[in-house]
């Protein structure tokens, strides 16, 4: 089942002069598929991810997710859609250092307001269990190692049960051992929870282990 469909996406930068950074990109992603987006620095993969994540609306073409046409929606509509349907894992974890691990994971769910605070706490524990960091739940997030913090960030991305998780170099800041742990979690999320993962990565092992590699060069997809 198709959860994301991008059709004829084009994107221009206008500074210092007009330059086409994304050139007529079309592809689809299926439910439970683990995709890696690869290519040399500057090939446009992060720009594409930014468009797919609905953060950048200044493009030509059409973007459909979960059967909803997202192109042309207002910023408020897109923010609401993101909070419910998308999860994000970046190279840096962006946890609030003064909050506990549990509080960090609960935040997007509190914002969504779909469940009671007690239910959200329950769910947050479950997600922390999934990434095997539940024993640190009441610690301040700043007291954790980098690898542990990244796992907390994954639990936070999962709290609202998004259909798609987008990763921007999710292992870019981690050593080999922690990279492998994060990769295994991603694989589990896709294959057992049936959630789709689209991750930009420079890590060849990470890409090789995913279900499909989309390779970009010079603003275009050269293999998918």
Protein backbone atom coordinates (compact mmCIF):
# COMPACT_ATOMS: atom_id res chain seq x y z
CA UNK A 1 0.00 0.00 0.00
CA UNK A 2 1.28 3.38 -1.08
CA UNK A 3 1.73 5.94 1.74
CA UNK A 4 3.69 8.60 -0.10
CA UNK A 5 3.60 9.72 -3.70
CA UNK A 6 5.78 12.54 -5.00
CA UNK A 7 5.10 13.61 -8.60
CA UNK A 8 7.25 15.86 -10.75
CA UNK A 9 8.85 17.75 -7.87
CA UNK A 10 10.95 20.72 -9.00
CA UNK A 11 12.68 23.21 -6.72
CA UNK A 12 14.67 26.34 -7.46
CA UNK A 13 16.98 28.50 -5.37
CA UNK A 14 17.12 32.15 -6.42
CA UNK A 15 20.22 33.34 -4.59
CA UNK A 16 22.71 34.45 -5.89
CA UNK A 17 21.01 33.51 -9.20
CA UNK A 18 18.27 31.10 -10.29
CA UNK A 19 19.45 27.52 -9.83
CA UNK A 20 17.43 24.30 -10.08
CA UNK A 21 18.22 22.11 -7.10
CA UNK A 22 15.52 19.39 -7.56
CA UNK A 23 14.78 18.27 -11.12
CA UNK A 24 11.50 16.53 -11.92
CA UNK A 25 11.56 13.94 -9.12
CA UNK A 26 8.81 11.31 -8.92
CA UNK A 27 8.72 8.26 -6.67
CA UNK A 28 6.45 6.34 -4.31
CA UNK A 29 6.98 4.75 -0.91
CA UNK A 30 4.97 1.84 0.45
CA UNK A 31 3.70 1.06 3.91
CA UNK A 32 6.36 -0.64 6.05
CA UNK A 33 9.15 0.12 3.57
CA UNK A 34 12.60 1.20 4.80
CA UNK A 35 14.10 3.59 2.24
CA UNK A 36 17.56 5.15 2.19
CA UNK A 37 18.18 8.34 0.25
CA UNK A 38 21.82 8.54 -0.80
CA UNK A 39 24.11 10.68 -2.95
CA UNK A 40 27.07 13.02 -2.72
CA UNK A 41 26.88 16.18 -0.60
CA UNK A 42 25.03 18.88 -2.48
CA UNK A 43 23.05 16.45 -4.68
CA UNK A 44 19.74 17.72 -3.23
CA UNK A 45 18.79 14.82 -0.95
CA UNK A 46 18.33 16.93 2.20
CA UNK A 47 16.39 19.52 0.18
CA UNK A 48 14.14 16.73 -1.11
CA UNK A 49 13.62 15.36 2.42
CA UNK A 50 12.68 18.87 3.56
CA UNK A 51 10.02 19.03 0.83
CA UNK A 52 8.75 15.51 1.64
CA UNK A 53 8.53 16.47 5.31
CA UNK A 54 6.18 19.36 4.30
CA UNK A 55 8.51 21.92 5.94
CA UNK A 56 9.36 23.46 2.56
CA UNK A 57 6.30 24.36 0.49
CA UNK A 58 8.11 26.39 -2.17
CA UNK A 59 8.26 23.76 -4.93
CA UNK A 60 6.44 22.73 -8.11
CA UNK A 61 4.78 19.34 -8.37
CA UNK A 62 2.52 17.32 -6.15
CA UNK A 63 2.93 15.55 -2.82
CA UNK A 64 0.35 13.06 -1.52
CA UNK A 65 0.62 11.27 1.83
CA UNK A 66 -1.90 8.87 3.38
CA UNK A 67 -4.25 9.75 0.54
CA UNK A 68 -4.12 13.47 1.35
CA UNK A 69 -2.98 16.02 -1.19
CA UNK A 70 -0.54 18.17 0.82
CA UNK A 71 0.56 20.56 -1.91
CA UNK A 72 -1.29 23.84 -1.43
CA UNK A 73 -2.31 23.31 2.20
CA UNK A 74 -1.75 26.16 4.70
CA UNK A 75 1.14 26.13 7.20
CA UNK A 76 -1.31 25.42 10.04
CA UNK A 77 -2.86 22.48 8.19
CA UNK A 78 0.60 21.11 7.42
CA UNK A 79 1.77 21.50 11.04
CA UNK A 80 -1.28 19.54 12.22
CA UNK A 81 -0.68 16.85 9.59
CA UNK A 82 3.02 16.54 10.54
CA UNK A 83 2.29 16.16 14.23
CA UNK A 84 -0.13 13.32 13.61
CA UNK A 85 1.34 11.48 10.62
CA UNK A 86 5.09 12.16 10.55
CA UNK A 87 7.94 11.42 12.95
CA UNK A 88 11.39 13.00 12.65
CA UNK A 89 14.86 11.82 13.67
CA UNK A 90 17.71 14.22 12.92
CA UNK A 91 21.48 13.95 13.17
CA UNK A 92 21.28 15.92 16.42
CA UNK A 93 18.65 14.72 18.86
CA UNK A 94 17.20 18.14 19.87
CA UNK A 95 16.08 16.88 23.28
CA UNK A 96 15.24 19.43 25.96
CA UNK A 97 18.16 18.97 28.40
CA UNK A 98 16.29 20.09 31.52
CA UNK A 99 13.44 17.61 30.89
CA UNK A 100 13.48 13.94 31.81
CA UNK A 101 13.65 11.29 29.09
CA UNK A 102 9.97 10.49 29.65
CA UNK A 103 8.89 14.15 29.41
CA UNK A 104 10.80 14.58 26.14
CA UNK A 105 9.04 11.60 24.59
CA UNK A 106 5.61 12.75 25.79
CA UNK A 107 5.83 16.26 24.30
CA UNK A 108 4.52 15.66 20.74
CA UNK A 109 1.62 13.59 22.13
CA UNK A 110 0.66 16.28 24.64
CA UNK A 111 0.66 18.73 21.73
CA UNK A 112 -1.56 16.44 19.64
CA UNK A 113 -3.99 16.11 22.56
CA UNK A 114 -5.50 12.83 21.41
CA UNK A 115 -4.94 10.97 24.69
CA UNK A 116 -5.07 11.77 28.40
CA UNK A 117 -1.78 12.64 30.15
CA UNK A 118 -1.85 9.26 31.89
CA UNK A 119 -2.30 7.39 28.59
CA UNK A 120 0.48 9.45 27.02
CA UNK A 121 2.83 8.52 29.86
CA UNK A 122 1.93 4.83 29.33
CA UNK A 123 2.58 5.12 25.59
CA UNK A 124 5.86 6.94 26.17
CA UNK A 125 7.05 4.07 28.39
CA UNK A 126 6.11 1.59 25.66
CA UNK A 127 8.11 3.49 23.05
CA UNK A 128 11.09 3.75 25.42
CA UNK A 129 10.83 -0.01 25.92
CA UNK A 130 10.88 -0.52 22.15
CA UNK A 131 14.24 1.31 21.93
CA UNK A 132 15.44 -0.36 25.15
CA UNK A 133 15.98 2.83 27.15
CA UNK A 134 12.98 2.64 29.52
CA UNK A 135 15.27 2.14 32.52
CA UNK A 136 16.52 5.71 32.02
CA UNK A 137 12.98 7.16 31.79
CA UNK A 138 13.24 9.42 34.84
CA UNK A 139 16.76 10.67 34.20
CA UNK A 140 17.39 14.13 32.83
CA UNK A 141 18.03 13.68 29.12
CA UNK A 142 21.31 15.64 29.34
CA UNK A 143 22.74 12.89 31.59
CA UNK A 144 22.56 10.28 28.80
CA UNK A 145 25.24 9.35 26.28
CA UNK A 146 24.89 10.46 22.64
CA UNK A 147 23.73 7.02 21.51
CA UNK A 148 21.14 6.84 24.28
CA UNK A 149 19.88 10.33 23.49
CA UNK A 150 19.38 9.38 19.85
CA UNK A 151 17.27 6.39 20.95
CA UNK A 152 15.15 8.74 23.07
CA UNK A 153 14.72 10.93 19.97
CA UNK A 154 13.46 7.87 18.05
CA UNK A 155 10.97 7.06 20.84
CA UNK A 156 9.78 10.68 20.67
CA UNK A 157 9.36 10.39 16.87
CA UNK A 158 7.20 7.29 17.41
CA UNK A 159 4.92 8.58 20.18
CA UNK A 160 2.01 9.58 17.91
CA UNK A 161 2.30 6.36 15.82
CA UNK A 162 3.18 8.22 12.62
CA UNK A 163 2.78 6.38 9.32
CA UNK A 164 6.12 7.79 8.10
CA UNK A 165 9.37 8.41 9.97
CA UNK A 166 11.85 10.71 8.25
CA UNK A 167 15.49 10.60 9.22
CA UNK A 168 18.15 13.15 8.30
CA UNK A 169 21.52 11.42 8.88
CA UNK A 170 20.09 9.61 11.94
CA UNK A 171 23.44 7.86 12.57
CA UNK A 172 25.63 10.77 11.42
CA UNK A 173 26.78 11.60 14.94
CA UNK A 174 27.16 8.07 16.28
CA UNK A 175 29.94 5.51 16.49
CA UNK A 176 29.67 2.14 14.73
CA UNK A 177 28.07 0.28 17.65
CA UNK A 178 25.38 2.92 18.26
CA UNK A 179 24.79 3.27 14.51
CA UNK A 180 24.05 -0.46 14.37
CA UNK A 181 21.63 -0.21 17.30
CA UNK A 182 19.75 2.65 15.61
CA UNK A 183 19.69 0.76 12.30
CA UNK A 184 18.20 -2.34 13.98
CA UNK A 185 15.52 -0.20 15.66
CA UNK A 186 14.61 1.35 12.29
CA UNK A 187 14.40 -2.09 10.69
CA UNK A 188 12.12 -3.29 13.48
CA UNK A 189 9.87 -0.20 13.19
CA UNK A 190 9.42 -0.81 9.45
CA UNK A 191 9.06 -4.58 9.39
CA UNK A 192 7.23 -5.26 12.65
CA UNK A 193 5.26 -2.03 13.16
CA UNK A 194 4.66 -1.56 9.42
CA UNK A 195 5.73 2.11 9.53
CA UNK A 196 7.55 3.63 6.56
CA UNK A 197 11.05 5.03 6.98
CA UNK A 198 12.73 7.48 4.62
CA UNK A 199 16.26 8.29 5.75
CA UNK A 200 18.96 10.45 4.19
CA UNK A 201 22.28 8.80 4.97
CA UNK A 202 26.00 8.89 4.16
CA UNK A 203 26.51 5.55 5.91
CA UNK A 204 26.94 2.82 3.24
CA UNK A 205 26.19 -0.03 5.69
CA UNK A 206 22.98 1.67 6.81
CA UNK A 207 21.86 2.15 3.19
CA UNK A 208 22.85 -1.37 2.16
CA UNK A 209 20.75 -2.91 4.94
CA UNK A 210 17.59 -0.94 4.09
CA UNK A 211 14.87 -2.30 1.77
CA UNK A 212 15.49 0.13 -1.06
CA UNK A 213 18.10 2.72 -1.96
CA UNK A 214 17.10 5.85 -3.85
CA UNK A 215 20.24 7.39 -5.27
CA UNK A 216 20.41 11.04 -6.22
CA UNK A 217 22.88 12.99 -8.29
CA UNK A 218 22.72 16.62 -9.32
CA UNK A 219 19.09 17.09 -8.22
CA UNK A 220 17.79 13.98 -9.94
CA UNK A 221 17.03 10.40 -8.95
CA UNK A 222 19.46 8.17 -10.85
CA UNK A 223 18.28 4.86 -9.40
CA UNK A 224 15.30 3.79 -7.30
